[in-house]
Amino acid sequence: MKLLDVVALTEDLPELGLYRGQVGTIVEEYEPEVFEVEFSDLTGKAYAVETLNASQLMTLYHQPIGGKTLLV
């Protein structure tokens, strides 16, 4: 994971008001595997900024991974 990656939560964090599947953007890396993630609504307004471990996140991809392309 790196700065500006789009990520999703892999677990519920009800104490933070965040739940599995919510999508955010990495906006800072504090140390290896520890990131500040900004969660925004569809208009771009941030509703949460939290420091999370890589184990709580998964990177989302908007293109094929590993060079394979599916032609339809």
C-alpha atoms as a PDB file:
ATOM      1  CA  MET A   1       0.000   0.000   0.000  1.00  0.00           C
ATOM      2  CA  LYS A   2       1.128   3.500  -0.741  1.00  0.00           C
ATOM      3  CA  LEU A   3       0.079   7.145  -0.676  1.00  0.00           C
ATOM      4  CA  LEU A   4      -3.182   7.832  -2.578  1.00  0.00           C
ATOM      5  CA  ASP A   5      -4.157   4.158  -2.904  1.00  0.00           C
ATOM      6  CA  VAL A   6      -7.900   3.580  -2.723  1.00  0.00           C
ATOM      7  CA  VAL A   7      -8.616   1.079   0.044  1.00  0.00           C
ATOM      8  CA  ALA A   8     -11.553  -0.617   1.749  1.00  0.00           C
ATOM      9  CA  LEU A   9     -11.950  -1.619   5.382  1.00  0.00           C
ATOM     10  CA  THR A  10     -11.752  -5.355   6.023  1.00  0.00           C
ATOM     11  CA  GLU A  11     -13.372  -5.197   9.467  1.00  0.00           C
ATOM     12  CA  ASP A  12     -16.032  -3.290  11.395  1.00  0.00           C
ATOM     13  CA  LEU A  13     -14.786  -0.460  13.620  1.00  0.00           C
ATOM     14  CA  PRO A  14     -18.043   0.640  15.300  1.00  0.00           C
ATOM     15  CA  GLU A  15     -16.166   2.702  17.911  1.00  0.00           C
ATOM     16  CA  LEU A  16     -15.007   4.885  14.993  1.00  0.00           C
ATOM     17  CA  GLY A  17     -18.323   4.779  13.138  1.00  0.00           C
ATOM     18  CA  LEU A  18     -16.700   2.830  10.278  1.00  0.00           C
ATOM     19  CA  TYR A  19     -17.702  -0.543   8.875  1.00  0.00           C
ATOM     20  CA  ARG A  20     -16.325  -3.302   6.664  1.00  0.00           C
ATOM     21  CA  GLY A  21     -16.414  -2.325   2.994  1.00  0.00           C
ATOM     22  CA  GLN A  22     -16.277   1.439   3.447  1.00  0.00           C
ATOM     23  CA  VAL A  23     -13.871   3.002   0.948  1.00  0.00           C
ATOM     24  CA  GLY A  24     -11.160   5.569   1.685  1.00  0.00           C
ATOM     25  CA  THR A  25      -7.899   6.988   0.352  1.00  0.00           C
ATOM     26  CA  ILE A  26      -4.468   6.726   1.974  1.00  0.00           C
ATOM     27  CA  VAL A  27      -3.363  10.303   2.649  1.00  0.00           C
ATOM     28  CA  GLU A  28      -0.300   9.675   4.841  1.00  0.00           C
ATOM     29  CA  GLU A  29       2.067   6.868   5.777  1.00  0.00           C
ATOM     30  CA  TYR A  30       3.319   7.160   9.361  1.00  0.00           C
ATOM     31  CA  GLU A  31       5.463   4.037   9.454  1.00  0.00           C
ATOM     32  CA  PRO A  32       5.534   0.802   7.494  1.00  0.00           C
ATOM     33  CA  GLU A  33       2.033  -0.708   7.523  1.00  0.00           C
ATOM     34  CA  VAL A  34       0.439   2.280   9.384  1.00  0.00           C
ATOM     35  CA  PHE A  35      -1.590   4.755   7.336  1.00  0.00           C
ATOM     36  CA  GLU A  36      -3.879   7.733   7.717  1.00  0.00           C
ATOM     37  CA  VAL A  37      -6.990   7.058   5.651  1.00  0.00           C
ATOM     38  CA  GLU A  38      -9.560   9.658   4.638  1.00  0.00           C
ATOM     39  CA  PHE A  39     -13.132   8.492   4.086  1.00  0.00           C
ATOM     40  CA  SER A  40     -15.281  10.755   1.885  1.00  0.00           C
ATOM     41  CA  ASP A  41     -18.842  10.703   0.610  1.00  0.00           C
ATOM     42  CA  LEU A  42     -19.808  10.800  -3.085  1.00  0.00           C
ATOM     43  CA  THR A  43     -19.526  14.611  -3.145  1.00  0.00           C
ATOM     44  CA  GLY A  44     -15.938  14.454  -1.851  1.00  0.00           C
ATOM     45  CA  LYS A  45     -16.746  15.690   1.664  1.00  0.00           C
ATOM     46  CA  ALA A  46     -14.599  13.891   4.248  1.00  0.00           C
ATOM     47  CA  TYR A  47     -16.587  12.258   7.045  1.00  0.00           C
ATOM     48  CA  ALA A  48     -13.702  10.468   8.802  1.00  0.00           C
ATOM     49  CA  VAL A  49      -9.905  10.480   8.941  1.00  0.00           C
ATOM     50  CA  GLU A  50      -8.369   7.625  10.911  1.00  0.00           C
ATOM     51  CA  THR A  51      -4.990   5.987  11.476  1.00  0.00           C
ATOM     52  CA  LEU A  52      -5.242   2.312  10.506  1.00  0.00           C
ATOM     53  CA  ASN A  53      -2.999  -0.717  10.092  1.00  0.00           C
ATOM     54  CA  ALA A  54      -2.510  -2.384   6.714  1.00  0.00           C
ATOM     55  CA  SER A  55      -4.132  -5.521   8.175  1.00  0.00           C
ATOM     56  CA  GLN A  56      -7.410  -3.557   8.446  1.00  0.00           C
ATOM     57  CA  LEU A  57      -7.359  -2.539   4.780  1.00  0.00           C
ATOM     58  CA  MET A  58      -7.372  -3.970   1.286  1.00  0.00           C
ATOM     59  CA  THR A  59      -6.249  -2.102  -1.836  1.00  0.00           C
ATOM     60  CA  LEU A  60      -8.900  -1.657  -4.525  1.00  0.00           C
ATOM     61  CA  TYR A  61      -7.931  -1.873  -8.187  1.00  0.00           C
ATOM     62  CA  HIS A  62      -9.666  -0.285 -11.176  1.00  0.00           C
ATOM     63  CA  GLN A  63      -7.725  -2.175 -13.847  1.00  0.00           C
ATOM     64  CA  PRO A  64      -6.569  -5.741 -14.477  1.00  0.00           C
ATOM     65  CA  ILE A  65      -3.821  -7.033 -12.211  1.00  0.00           C
ATOM     66  CA  GLY A  66      -0.898  -9.073 -13.476  1.00  0.00           C
ATOM     67  CA  GLY A  67      -1.157  -8.233 -17.163  1.00  0.00           C
ATOM     68  CA  LYS A  68      -4.300 -10.253 -17.953  1.00  0.00           C
ATOM     69  CA  THR A  69      -7.031  -8.478 -19.910  1.00  0.00           C
ATOM     70  CA  LEU A  70     -10.513  -9.855 -20.464  1.00  0.00           C
ATOM     71  CA  LEU A  71     -11.930  -9.059 -23.884  1.00  0.00           C
ATOM     72  CA  VAL A  72     -15.692  -9.117 -24.175  1.00  0.00           C
END
